[in-house]
Amino acid sequence: MKHRYPVELHWSAEDAGWIATFPDLPGCSAWGVTETDALLDSQAAAAAWLKACKAAGNPIPEPSPLVDDADYSGRFVMRIPKRLHADLAKSAKRQGVSLNQYVLYLLSARAAANGEARA
């Protein structure tokens, strides 16, 4: 495959395996017992998707640029409703941690539950 498209891997309890998807290629996915299996099979799936796209006369999408973690500072600003801010601050105080630490904990716990956490 001459194009290099970003691949996302996630665990699917419903399918009892790993799913590889290409955000730039709608509907293109592959399944595997292991992450490696899904990733290897994804290359054939992407090649077939691109071949079908070309045969149908549809334009071939450009790959999204790869993102490097160095592109992110680890900081972002978000506006939230005052009530939510107050509730989060009170919960953080009850836990004996800063609001930032508490929100980081909540985000990390949610990401881990969704299989999105990574080092």
Protein backbone atom coordinates (compact mmCIF):
# COMPACT_ATOMS: atom_id res chain seq x y z
CA MET A 1 0.00 0.00 0.00
CA LYS A 2 1.64 3.25 -1.09
CA HIS A 3 -0.41 5.45 1.28
CA ARG A 4 0.31 5.38 5.02
CA TYR A 5 -2.95 5.74 6.92
CA PRO A 6 -3.11 5.94 10.72
CA VAL A 7 -4.55 2.80 12.34
CA GLU A 8 -6.43 2.64 15.65
CA LEU A 9 -6.61 -0.57 17.68
CA HIS A 10 -9.17 -1.32 20.36
CA TRP A 11 -10.47 -4.36 22.21
CA SER A 12 -14.00 -5.47 21.41
CA ALA A 13 -15.65 -7.57 24.10
CA GLU A 14 -18.59 -8.13 21.74
CA ASP A 15 -16.31 -9.58 19.06
CA ALA A 16 -13.90 -11.16 21.58
CA GLY A 17 -10.91 -9.76 19.77
CA TRP A 18 -9.00 -6.72 18.62
CA ILE A 19 -10.38 -4.38 15.98
CA ALA A 20 -8.15 -2.26 13.76
CA THR A 21 -9.81 0.71 12.09
CA PHE A 22 -8.63 3.48 9.76
CA PRO A 23 -10.25 6.83 10.66
CA ASP A 24 -9.52 8.11 7.14
CA LEU A 25 -11.19 5.11 5.46
CA PRO A 26 -14.82 4.91 6.66
CA GLY A 27 -15.98 1.36 7.28
CA CYS A 28 -12.53 -0.16 6.80
CA SER A 29 -11.63 -2.49 9.67
CA ALA A 30 -9.99 -5.79 10.51
CA TRP A 31 -10.35 -8.24 13.40
CA GLY A 32 -7.72 -10.32 15.15
CA VAL A 33 -7.30 -12.53 18.20
CA THR A 34 -4.27 -10.41 19.09
CA GLU A 35 -3.37 -6.79 18.39
CA THR A 36 -0.70 -8.01 16.00
CA ASP A 37 -3.20 -10.17 14.08
CA ALA A 38 -5.61 -7.26 13.71
CA LEU A 39 -2.83 -4.93 12.61
CA LEU A 40 -1.48 -7.39 10.04
CA ASP A 41 -4.96 -8.09 8.63
CA SER A 42 -5.70 -4.36 8.53
CA GLN A 43 -3.18 -3.83 5.72
CA ALA A 44 -5.09 -6.20 3.43
CA ALA A 45 -8.38 -4.60 4.44
CA ALA A 46 -7.07 -1.11 3.63
CA ALA A 47 -5.70 -2.30 0.27
CA ALA A 48 -9.10 -3.82 -0.61
CA TRP A 49 -10.91 -0.66 0.55
CA LEU A 50 -8.68 1.55 -1.62
CA LYS A 51 -9.06 -0.80 -4.61
CA ALA A 52 -12.86 -0.71 -4.29
CA CYS A 53 -12.80 3.07 -3.92
CA LYS A 54 -10.72 3.43 -7.08
CA ALA A 55 -12.90 0.94 -9.02
CA ALA A 56 -16.00 2.93 -8.07
CA GLY A 57 -14.36 6.12 -9.34
CA ASN A 58 -14.36 7.70 -5.90
CA PRO A 59 -11.52 9.98 -4.84
CA ILE A 60 -8.82 8.37 -2.67
CA PRO A 61 -8.67 10.22 0.66
CA GLU A 62 -5.35 11.65 1.77
CA PRO A 63 -3.93 10.15 4.96
CA SER A 64 -4.22 12.29 8.07
CA PRO A 65 -0.87 13.54 9.29
CA LEU A 66 0.60 11.38 12.03
CA VAL A 67 0.48 13.05 15.44
CA ASP A 68 3.47 13.02 17.74
CA ASP A 69 2.95 13.25 21.50
CA ALA A 70 5.59 16.00 21.45
CA ASP A 71 2.96 18.17 19.69
CA TYR A 72 1.00 18.37 22.96
CA SER A 73 1.85 20.27 26.13
CA GLY A 74 -0.36 18.21 28.43
CA ARG A 75 -2.42 21.29 29.23
CA PHE A 76 -5.78 22.45 27.94
CA VAL A 77 -8.37 24.94 29.14
CA MET A 78 -12.04 24.06 29.24
CA ARG A 79 -15.10 26.03 30.22
CA ILE A 80 -17.65 24.04 32.21
CA PRO A 81 -20.90 24.96 33.93
CA LYS A 82 -20.46 26.58 37.35
CA ARG A 83 -22.45 23.81 39.05
CA LEU A 84 -20.20 21.11 37.60
CA HIS A 85 -17.12 23.09 38.64
CA ALA A 86 -18.47 23.33 42.19
CA ASP A 87 -19.36 19.63 42.32
CA LEU A 88 -15.92 18.60 41.06
CA ALA A 89 -14.16 20.93 43.49
CA LYS A 90 -16.16 19.53 46.42
CA SER A 91 -15.43 15.95 45.38
CA ALA A 92 -11.72 16.75 45.07
CA LYS A 93 -11.71 18.31 48.52
CA ARG A 94 -13.40 15.21 50.00
CA GLN A 95 -10.70 13.06 48.39
CA GLY A 96 -7.97 15.37 49.70
CA VAL A 97 -6.53 16.16 46.27
CA SER A 98 -6.38 19.18 44.01
CA LEU A 99 -9.11 19.76 41.44
CA ASN A 100 -6.58 19.09 38.66
CA GLN A 101 -5.55 15.76 40.21
CA TYR A 102 -9.17 14.74 40.68
CA VAL A 103 -10.16 15.56 37.09
CA LEU A 104 -7.05 13.73 35.82
CA TYR A 105 -8.10 10.70 37.89
CA LEU A 106 -11.63 10.79 36.42
CA LEU A 107 -10.36 11.11 32.85
CA SER A 108 -7.78 8.35 33.34
CA ALA A 109 -10.33 5.99 34.90
CA ARG A 110 -12.75 6.57 31.99
CA ALA A 111 -10.01 6.08 29.39
CA ALA A 112 -8.88 2.85 31.08
CA ALA A 113 -12.46 1.56 31.22
CA ASN A 114 -12.78 2.22 27.48
CA GLY A 115 -9.47 0.56 26.71
CA GLU A 116 -7.96 3.87 25.61
CA ALA A 117 -5.26 4.29 28.25
CA ARG A 118 -1.67 4.11 27.14
CA ALA A 119 1.65 4.96 28.68
